[in-house]
Amino acid sequence: MSGKVKFVHHDKDLSYHFHDSHPFHPIRLQLTLDLLSEVGALPEDAKLSSRQADEKDLLRVHSPDYIKAVQALSMKDPAAEWLARAEQYGLLDEDTPFFAGMHEASSYIVGGTLTAVEAVMSGSATHALHLGGGLHHALIAKAAGFCVYNDAAVAISYIREKYKARVLYIDTDVHHGDGVQWSFYSDPEVCTYSIHETGKYLFPGTGFVNERGEHLGYGYTVNLPLQPYTEDDSWMECFTESIRRVTAYFKPDLILSQHGCDAHAMDPLSHMHCSMRIYNQMPELIHELAHTYCGGKWVAVGGGGYDIWKVVPRAWSLLWLEMSDHPLKKKLQNHPLTPLPDEWIHRWQSQAPVSLPTEWLDDLSRWEAIPRRDEITAKNRETLAAVLQDMP
């Protein structure tokens, strides 16, 4: 790797923890770190410790009043006046409830993505990954969808101000990347692309084809909402054709990609039927596009993913194996059912409420076919055609 790829992490990322029964649980990150360590994919010279974002960083996207509210509600015993206003800031519902230490933990999440961006934009790394990031639903003055501060939006704003670079934001989370989209809806120097389950049936209820940007930014917002129960072939057909066209048209200076892995069939918070295959193939394509158009400049962040035992560790590990050009990635091209390390399985099985997977990719011969496959594929192709018809 010779210093050209960096894995950004700080243990404070693990403090972003609403409560033990919340689906956004930091153990997903621990499982991934341990799996990558077990296969020898995290050498010391690839690791980069993140900094904490300061208030100036956060103000790039978030309002002063909102930051004050997050800080106040992060206290062990918040003042009554702030408790009364928590709902106003989206910090009282079951999705994103306030918790002690919330501001510090969230600031380290933002700081990690800023650290990754600076490593790439300064030239000290070609690629950088911050799995703690990807909190794409947070809005200017409101938390939403498990997200307190929007690290990707802050990082893009930082890139624009310091480096004047054109940024392509690629969001592959099954939930629409709404917070990032709205942050740059009028900006022609930032292109936001999101492939997701249609908002007709899934939070946040946005991300339709006709959301195209506004004013000078019209045409630089691209959404590809797919039908429930979409499978691998249809997902990858739509992703491949659209993202190639978008990247060729926009010609970014840097790609920042979000890698929520909740379109998997086993994810409890969506209705898709994809396998680990898409989480092996999408990073390959983004990697190729980064080298074709951006001189390799590629920053990736984590995101959603709520089958924390069977899906997230494998999907996020596959992303890093691709970014770091690890030999195991090449092996999986010919042997997709390569076994996961026994040591990792044995170490975590006693804590897991389910049987852990034994292979890197899913054995699709054991999966039942979706009866409406042809209808779903045809509908997704109609959506893809509608997206592409407005592009050069």
Protein backbone atom coordinates (compact mmCIF):
# COMPACT_ATOMS: atom_id res chain seq x y z
CA MET A 1 0.00 0.00 0.00
CA SER A 2 3.03 2.25 0.48
CA GLY A 3 1.13 5.10 2.10
CA LYS A 4 -1.19 5.63 -0.86
CA VAL A 5 -4.30 4.45 0.96
CA LYS A 6 -5.35 5.37 4.49
CA PHE A 7 -7.79 3.79 6.92
CA VAL A 8 -9.06 6.60 9.14
CA HIS A 9 -10.36 5.73 12.60
CA HIS A 10 -10.59 6.97 16.16
CA ASP A 11 -11.98 5.02 19.09
CA LYS A 12 -14.31 7.96 19.74
CA ASP A 13 -16.27 6.73 16.69
CA LEU A 14 -17.38 3.86 18.90
CA SER A 15 -18.94 6.36 21.32
CA TYR A 16 -21.59 7.27 18.74
CA HIS A 17 -24.06 5.02 20.54
CA PHE A 18 -27.71 5.88 21.15
CA HIS A 19 -28.48 2.85 23.34
CA ASP A 20 -27.91 -0.90 23.31
CA SER A 21 -31.15 -1.79 21.51
CA HIS A 22 -30.76 0.87 18.81
CA PRO A 23 -30.15 -0.57 15.30
CA PHE A 24 -27.27 1.85 14.65
CA HIS A 25 -24.87 0.07 16.98
CA PRO A 26 -21.11 0.70 16.99
CA ILE A 27 -20.34 -3.00 17.35
CA ARG A 28 -20.68 -3.13 13.53
CA LEU A 29 -17.49 -1.12 13.34
CA GLN A 30 -15.71 -3.29 15.89
CA LEU A 31 -16.64 -6.43 13.97
CA THR A 32 -15.28 -4.95 10.75
CA LEU A 33 -12.03 -3.75 12.29
CA ASP A 34 -11.46 -7.18 13.80
CA LEU A 35 -12.21 -8.99 10.55
CA LEU A 36 -9.79 -6.80 8.61
CA SER A 37 -7.12 -7.26 11.27
CA GLU A 38 -7.62 -11.02 11.21
CA VAL A 39 -6.90 -11.22 7.46
CA GLY A 40 -3.87 -8.92 7.77
CA ALA A 41 -5.45 -6.04 5.86
CA LEU A 42 -4.77 -3.26 8.37
CA PRO A 43 -1.01 -2.63 8.55
CA GLU A 44 0.10 0.15 10.85
CA ASP A 45 1.31 2.38 8.04
CA ALA A 46 -2.21 2.42 6.56
CA LYS A 47 -3.87 3.68 9.75
CA LEU A 48 -4.58 7.35 10.30
CA SER A 49 -6.07 8.74 13.50
CA SER A 50 -8.85 11.28 13.12
CA ARG A 51 -9.22 14.65 14.73
CA GLN A 52 -12.29 16.14 16.32
CA ALA A 53 -14.21 18.63 14.20
CA ASP A 54 -14.46 22.06 15.81
CA GLU A 55 -17.38 24.47 15.75
CA LYS A 56 -16.04 26.26 12.68
CA ASP A 57 -16.13 22.97 10.80
CA LEU A 58 -19.68 22.21 11.87
CA LEU A 59 -20.88 25.70 10.94
CA ARG A 60 -20.08 24.95 7.31
CA VAL A 61 -23.39 23.07 7.22
CA HIS A 62 -25.22 23.33 10.54
CA SER A 63 -26.86 26.36 12.15
CA PRO A 64 -25.41 27.86 15.36
CA ASP A 65 -28.65 27.21 17.28
CA TYR A 66 -28.65 23.56 16.27
CA ILE A 67 -25.04 23.05 17.38
CA LYS A 68 -25.88 24.69 20.71
CA ALA A 69 -28.82 22.32 21.12
CA VAL A 70 -26.68 19.26 20.40
CA GLN A 71 -24.07 20.46 22.89
CA ALA A 72 -26.68 21.16 25.58
CA LEU A 73 -28.45 17.82 25.11
CA SER A 74 -25.12 16.00 25.32
CA MET A 75 -24.82 16.78 29.01
CA LYS A 76 -25.50 14.00 31.50
CA ASP A 77 -28.48 15.94 32.88
CA PRO A 78 -29.63 18.44 30.21
CA ALA A 79 -31.32 21.63 31.37
CA ALA A 80 -35.11 21.67 31.27
CA GLU A 81 -35.19 24.41 28.62
CA TRP A 82 -33.24 22.21 26.21
CA LEU A 83 -35.27 19.10 27.01
CA ALA A 84 -38.35 21.10 26.05
CA ARG A 85 -36.77 21.97 22.68
CA ALA A 86 -35.26 18.57 21.85
CA GLU A 87 -38.14 17.57 19.59
CA GLN A 88 -37.70 20.78 17.58
CA TYR A 89 -34.20 19.64 16.67
CA GLY A 90 -35.13 16.04 15.88
CA LEU A 91 -33.43 14.71 19.00
CA LEU A 92 -36.38 13.22 20.83
CA ASP A 93 -37.76 10.55 18.51
CA GLU A 94 -36.87 6.86 18.57
CA ASP A 95 -34.63 7.16 15.50
CA THR A 96 -32.25 9.84 16.78
CA PRO A 97 -32.64 10.28 20.54
CA PHE A 98 -30.13 12.50 22.33
CA PHE A 99 -27.51 10.78 24.48
CA ALA A 100 -24.75 11.81 26.87
CA GLY A 101 -21.56 12.70 24.98
CA MET A 102 -23.44 13.04 21.69
CA HIS A 103 -21.71 16.24 20.55
CA GLU A 104 -18.19 14.93 21.13
CA ALA A 105 -18.89 11.58 19.47
CA SER A 106 -20.59 13.25 16.50
CA SER A 107 -17.75 15.77 16.17
CA TYR A 108 -15.23 12.94 15.91
CA ILE A 109 -17.35 11.36 13.18
CA VAL A 110 -17.16 14.62 11.21
CA GLY A 111 -13.49 15.03 12.02
CA GLY A 112 -12.74 11.56 10.71
CA THR A 113 -14.23 12.32 7.33
CA LEU A 114 -12.39 15.66 7.24
CA THR A 115 -9.17 13.79 8.06
CA ALA A 116 -9.77 11.40 5.18
CA VAL A 117 -10.51 14.25 2.77
CA GLU A 118 -7.42 16.20 3.78
CA ALA A 119 -5.21 13.12 3.36
CA VAL A 120 -6.39 12.73 -0.23
CA MET A 121 -6.59 16.38 -1.24
CA SER A 122 -3.15 17.13 0.22
CA GLY A 123 -1.64 14.31 -1.80
CA SER A 124 -0.48 12.19 1.14
CA ALA A 125 -2.92 9.46 0.08
CA THR A 126 -4.71 8.51 -3.11
CA HIS A 127 -7.65 6.84 -1.37
CA ALA A 128 -8.94 7.12 2.21
CA LEU A 129 -11.71 5.31 4.07
CA HIS A 130 -13.57 6.45 7.19
CA LEU A 131 -16.14 3.80 8.08
CA GLY A 132 -17.43 5.80 11.03
CA GLY A 133 -18.76 8.43 8.63
CA GLY A 134 -21.71 8.47 6.27
CA LEU A 135 -24.32 10.23 8.42
CA HIS A 136 -26.15 11.50 5.36
CA HIS A 137 -29.60 12.32 6.77
CA ALA A 138 -28.65 15.15 9.15
CA LEU A 139 -30.08 18.49 8.02
CA ILE A 140 -28.98 22.08 8.64
CA ALA A 141 -30.90 22.43 11.90
CA LYS A 142 -32.30 18.98 12.59
CA ALA A 143 -31.13 15.46 13.32
CA ALA A 144 -32.77 12.66 11.34
CA GLY A 145 -32.44 8.98 10.55
CA PHE A 146 -29.77 8.15 13.17
CA CYS A 147 -27.66 11.13 12.02
CA VAL A 148 -26.72 14.10 14.24
CA TYR A 149 -24.07 15.96 12.19
CA ASN A 150 -23.70 15.46 8.44
CA ASP A 151 -20.03 14.58 8.03
CA ALA A 152 -20.18 14.15 4.25
CA ALA A 153 -21.79 17.55 3.71
CA VAL A 154 -19.27 19.25 6.00
CA ALA A 155 -16.40 17.54 4.18
CA ILE A 156 -17.70 18.57 0.76
CA SER A 157 -18.08 22.17 1.92
CA TYR A 158 -14.50 22.06 3.21
CA ILE A 159 -13.23 20.74 -0.13
CA ARG A 160 -15.06 23.43 -2.03
CA GLU A 161 -13.73 26.25 0.16
CA LYS A 162 -10.12 25.14 0.51
CA TYR A 163 -9.43 23.35 -2.76
CA LYS A 164 -12.12 24.67 -5.15
CA ALA A 165 -12.49 21.09 -6.36
CA ARG A 166 -15.52 19.63 -8.13
CA VAL A 167 -16.97 16.84 -6.01
CA LEU A 168 -19.04 13.85 -7.10
CA TYR A 169 -20.90 12.43 -4.12
CA ILE A 170 -22.03 8.82 -4.69
CA ASP A 171 -24.52 7.42 -2.17
CA THR A 172 -25.20 3.67 -2.32
CA ASP A 173 -27.15 3.42 0.94
CA VAL A 174 -30.63 1.92 0.50
CA HIS A 175 -32.04 5.13 2.03
CA HIS A 176 -31.90 8.31 -0.05
CA GLY A 177 -28.98 10.61 0.80
CA ASP A 178 -31.28 13.54 1.47
CA GLY A 179 -29.19 15.64 3.84
CA VAL A 180 -26.27 15.83 1.43
CA GLN A 181 -28.55 16.47 -1.54
CA TRP A 182 -30.30 19.44 0.07
CA SER A 183 -27.00 20.93 1.22
CA PHE A 184 -25.81 21.32 -2.39
CA TYR A 185 -29.07 21.47 -4.33
CA SER A 186 -28.12 24.77 -5.98
CA ASP A 187 -24.38 24.16 -6.40
CA PRO A 188 -23.17 23.25 -9.92
CA GLU A 189 -19.73 22.30 -8.56
CA VAL A 190 -21.14 19.43 -6.46
CA CYS A 191 -22.96 16.56 -8.12
CA THR A 192 -24.95 14.35 -5.75
CA TYR A 193 -25.93 10.87 -6.91
CA SER A 194 -28.05 8.46 -4.89
CA ILE A 195 -29.23 4.93 -5.73
CA HIS A 196 -31.78 3.68 -3.21
CA GLU A 197 -35.11 2.00 -2.57
CA THR A 198 -37.90 4.26 -3.74
CA GLY A 199 -39.14 6.76 -1.21
CA LYS A 200 -42.69 5.55 -1.86
CA TYR A 201 -42.05 2.87 0.73
CA LEU A 202 -38.96 3.81 2.69
CA PHE A 203 -37.53 6.60 4.87
CA PRO A 204 -36.88 9.46 4.23
CA GLY A 205 -39.58 9.51 1.54
CA THR A 206 -37.52 11.55 -0.92
CA GLY A 207 -35.07 10.88 -3.74
CA PHE A 208 -37.39 10.80 -6.72
CA VAL A 209 -36.23 11.19 -10.32
CA ASN A 210 -37.68 14.70 -10.59
CA GLU A 211 -35.42 15.99 -7.79
CA ARG A 212 -32.81 17.40 -10.16
CA GLY A 213 -31.39 20.43 -8.35
CA GLU A 214 -32.37 24.08 -8.68
CA HIS A 215 -31.06 27.36 -10.13
CA LEU A 216 -27.42 26.93 -11.25
CA GLY A 217 -27.40 23.48 -9.69
CA TYR A 218 -30.18 22.11 -11.88
CA GLY A 219 -29.05 18.85 -13.45
CA TYR A 220 -26.40 18.17 -10.82
CA THR A 221 -28.67 16.13 -8.55
CA VAL A 222 -29.27 12.56 -9.76
CA ASN A 223 -31.57 10.07 -8.04
CA LEU A 224 -32.18 6.47 -9.01
CA PRO A 225 -35.06 5.10 -6.89
CA LEU A 226 -35.45 1.34 -7.34
CA GLN A 227 -38.34 -1.00 -6.67
CA PRO A 228 -38.63 -3.12 -3.51
CA TYR A 229 -37.17 -6.62 -3.88
CA THR A 230 -34.67 -5.51 -6.51
CA GLU A 231 -31.96 -8.16 -6.92
CA ASP A 232 -28.27 -7.99 -7.78
CA ASP A 233 -28.48 -7.98 -11.58
CA SER A 234 -31.02 -5.18 -11.77
CA TRP A 235 -29.28 -3.10 -9.08
CA MET A 236 -25.91 -3.38 -10.81
CA GLU A 237 -27.35 -2.75 -14.28
CA CYS A 238 -28.92 0.48 -13.08
CA PHE A 239 -25.92 1.55 -11.02
CA THR A 240 -23.35 0.80 -13.72
CA GLU A 241 -25.13 2.55 -16.58
CA SER A 242 -26.09 5.62 -14.57
CA ILE A 243 -22.91 6.26 -12.61
CA ARG A 244 -20.71 5.84 -15.69
CA ARG A 245 -22.82 8.44 -17.51
CA VAL A 246 -22.90 10.82 -14.54
CA THR A 247 -19.15 10.66 -13.94
CA ALA A 248 -18.27 11.11 -17.60
CA TYR A 249 -20.54 14.15 -17.80
CA PHE A 250 -19.53 15.82 -14.53
CA LYS A 251 -15.79 15.04 -14.66
CA PRO A 252 -15.13 15.43 -10.91
CA ASP A 253 -11.84 16.26 -9.25
CA LEU A 254 -12.67 13.92 -6.37
CA ILE A 255 -15.22 11.21 -5.61
CA LEU A 256 -16.69 10.95 -2.12
CA SER A 257 -18.76 7.79 -1.78
CA GLN A 258 -21.10 6.61 0.97
CA HIS A 259 -21.35 2.85 1.49
CA GLY A 260 -24.39 2.00 3.52
CA CYS A 261 -24.90 -1.74 3.08
CA ASP A 262 -28.60 -1.98 3.85
CA ALA A 263 -29.87 -3.04 0.40
CA HIS A 264 -28.93 -6.58 1.36
CA ALA A 265 -31.77 -9.09 1.55
CA MET A 266 -31.10 -9.74 5.22
CA ASP A 267 -31.25 -6.11 6.29
CA PRO A 268 -34.23 -5.58 8.62
CA LEU A 269 -34.88 -1.92 7.71
CA SER A 270 -35.43 -2.15 3.94
CA HIS A 271 -37.19 -4.31 1.37
CA MET A 272 -34.46 -5.10 -1.17
CA HIS A 273 -33.14 -8.53 -2.14
CA CYS A 274 -29.51 -7.93 -3.04
CA SER A 275 -26.60 -10.08 -1.93
CA MET A 276 -23.01 -9.41 -0.93
CA ARG A 277 -22.18 -9.40 -4.63
CA ILE A 278 -23.17 -5.74 -5.09
CA TYR A 279 -20.90 -4.74 -2.19
CA ASN A 280 -18.06 -6.49 -3.97
CA GLN A 281 -18.77 -4.95 -7.38
CA MET A 282 -19.79 -1.35 -6.62
CA PRO A 283 -16.42 -0.41 -5.04
CA GLU A 284 -14.66 -1.92 -8.08
CA LEU A 285 -16.52 0.43 -10.40
CA ILE A 286 -16.06 3.50 -8.20
CA HIS A 287 -12.35 2.68 -7.95
CA GLU A 288 -12.10 2.51 -11.73
CA LEU A 289 -13.94 5.82 -12.17
CA ALA A 290 -11.75 7.56 -9.61
CA HIS A 291 -8.62 6.64 -11.55
CA THR A 292 -10.20 7.48 -14.90
CA TYR A 293 -11.47 10.95 -13.98
CA CYS A 294 -9.91 12.07 -10.68
CA GLY A 295 -6.30 10.92 -10.73
CA GLY A 296 -7.42 8.30 -8.20
CA LYS A 297 -8.75 10.79 -5.63
CA TRP A 298 -11.36 8.80 -3.72
CA VAL A 299 -12.71 9.18 -0.20
CA ALA A 300 -15.20 6.63 1.13
CA VAL A 301 -17.35 6.59 4.25
CA GLY A 302 -19.63 4.04 5.91
CA GLY A 303 -23.33 4.63 6.51
CA GLY A 304 -26.31 2.37 7.15
CA GLY A 305 -26.43 -1.38 7.51
CA TYR A 306 -28.48 -3.07 10.21
CA ASP A 307 -27.73 -6.74 9.88
CA ILE A 308 -24.71 -5.98 11.97
CA TRP A 309 -23.50 -9.58 12.31
CA LYS A 310 -23.97 -11.21 8.91
CA VAL A 311 -23.72 -8.31 6.45
CA VAL A 312 -21.93 -5.17 7.62
CA PRO A 313 -18.50 -6.63 8.53
CA ARG A 314 -18.22 -8.42 5.21
CA ALA A 315 -19.50 -5.52 3.08
CA TRP A 316 -17.29 -2.90 4.68
CA SER A 317 -14.27 -5.21 4.62
CA LEU A 318 -14.80 -5.79 0.89
CA LEU A 319 -14.73 -2.02 0.38
CA TRP A 320 -11.37 -1.69 2.11
CA LEU A 321 -9.95 -4.73 0.30
CA GLU A 322 -10.80 -2.99 -2.98
CA MET A 323 -9.43 0.40 -1.95
CA SER A 324 -6.19 -1.10 -0.67
CA ASP A 325 -5.75 -3.53 -3.59
CA HIS A 326 -5.40 -6.39 -1.09
CA PRO A 327 -4.54 -9.84 -2.53
CA LEU A 328 -7.64 -11.35 -0.91
CA LYS A 329 -9.80 -9.18 -3.16
CA LYS A 330 -8.24 -10.77 -6.25
CA LYS A 331 -8.75 -14.23 -4.77
CA LEU A 332 -12.46 -13.56 -4.33
CA GLN A 333 -12.83 -12.82 -8.03
CA ASN A 334 -12.16 -16.50 -8.75
CA HIS A 335 -13.31 -17.98 -5.46
CA PRO A 336 -16.26 -15.95 -4.14
CA LEU A 337 -17.08 -18.54 -1.50
CA THR A 338 -13.67 -18.27 0.13
CA PRO A 339 -14.14 -19.03 3.85
CA LEU A 340 -14.05 -16.27 6.44
CA PRO A 341 -11.30 -16.76 9.04
CA ASP A 342 -12.27 -19.34 11.68
CA GLU A 343 -10.65 -17.25 14.39
CA TRP A 344 -12.97 -14.31 13.69
CA ILE A 345 -16.07 -16.52 13.69
CA HIS A 346 -15.10 -18.24 16.94
CA ARG A 347 -14.24 -14.97 18.65
CA TRP A 348 -17.63 -13.36 17.97
CA GLN A 349 -20.08 -16.25 17.73
CA SER A 350 -20.68 -16.39 21.47
CA GLN A 351 -21.88 -12.76 21.40
CA ALA A 352 -23.93 -13.04 18.23
CA PRO A 353 -27.66 -13.80 18.45
CA VAL A 354 -27.49 -15.45 15.01
CA SER A 355 -25.16 -17.88 13.26
CA LEU A 356 -22.31 -15.93 11.69
CA PRO A 357 -21.61 -16.35 7.98
CA THR A 358 -18.79 -18.68 7.01
CA GLU A 359 -17.95 -17.33 3.53
CA TRP A 360 -17.05 -13.89 2.14
CA LEU A 361 -19.85 -13.77 -0.44
CA ASP A 362 -23.33 -15.28 -0.32
CA ASP A 363 -24.04 -18.69 -1.83
CA LEU A 364 -26.89 -17.64 -4.11
CA SER A 365 -27.67 -21.28 -5.03
CA ARG A 366 -29.40 -21.46 -1.66
CA TRP A 367 -31.58 -18.38 -2.24
CA GLU A 368 -35.18 -18.49 -3.47
CA ALA A 369 -35.95 -16.49 -6.59
CA ILE A 370 -38.25 -13.47 -6.43
CA PRO A 371 -41.49 -14.39 -8.29
CA ARG A 372 -41.90 -10.85 -9.71
CA ARG A 373 -38.30 -10.55 -10.93
CA ASP A 374 -39.14 -9.63 -14.55
CA GLU A 375 -41.68 -7.01 -13.53
CA ILE A 376 -39.30 -5.43 -10.99
CA THR A 377 -36.44 -5.40 -13.51
CA ALA A 378 -38.63 -3.79 -16.17
CA LYS A 379 -39.81 -1.08 -13.78
CA ASN A 380 -36.23 -0.32 -12.75
CA ARG A 381 -35.24 -0.01 -16.42
CA GLU A 382 -38.03 2.51 -16.92
CA THR A 383 -36.67 4.55 -14.03
CA LEU A 384 -33.12 4.29 -15.38
CA ALA A 385 -34.30 5.50 -18.79
CA ALA A 386 -36.03 8.47 -17.17
CA VAL A 387 -32.82 9.39 -15.36
CA LEU A 388 -30.64 9.07 -18.44
CA GLN A 389 -32.92 10.91 -20.88
CA ASP A 390 -32.06 14.28 -19.32
CA MET A 391 -28.31 13.68 -19.47
CA PRO A 392 -25.93 14.33 -22.36
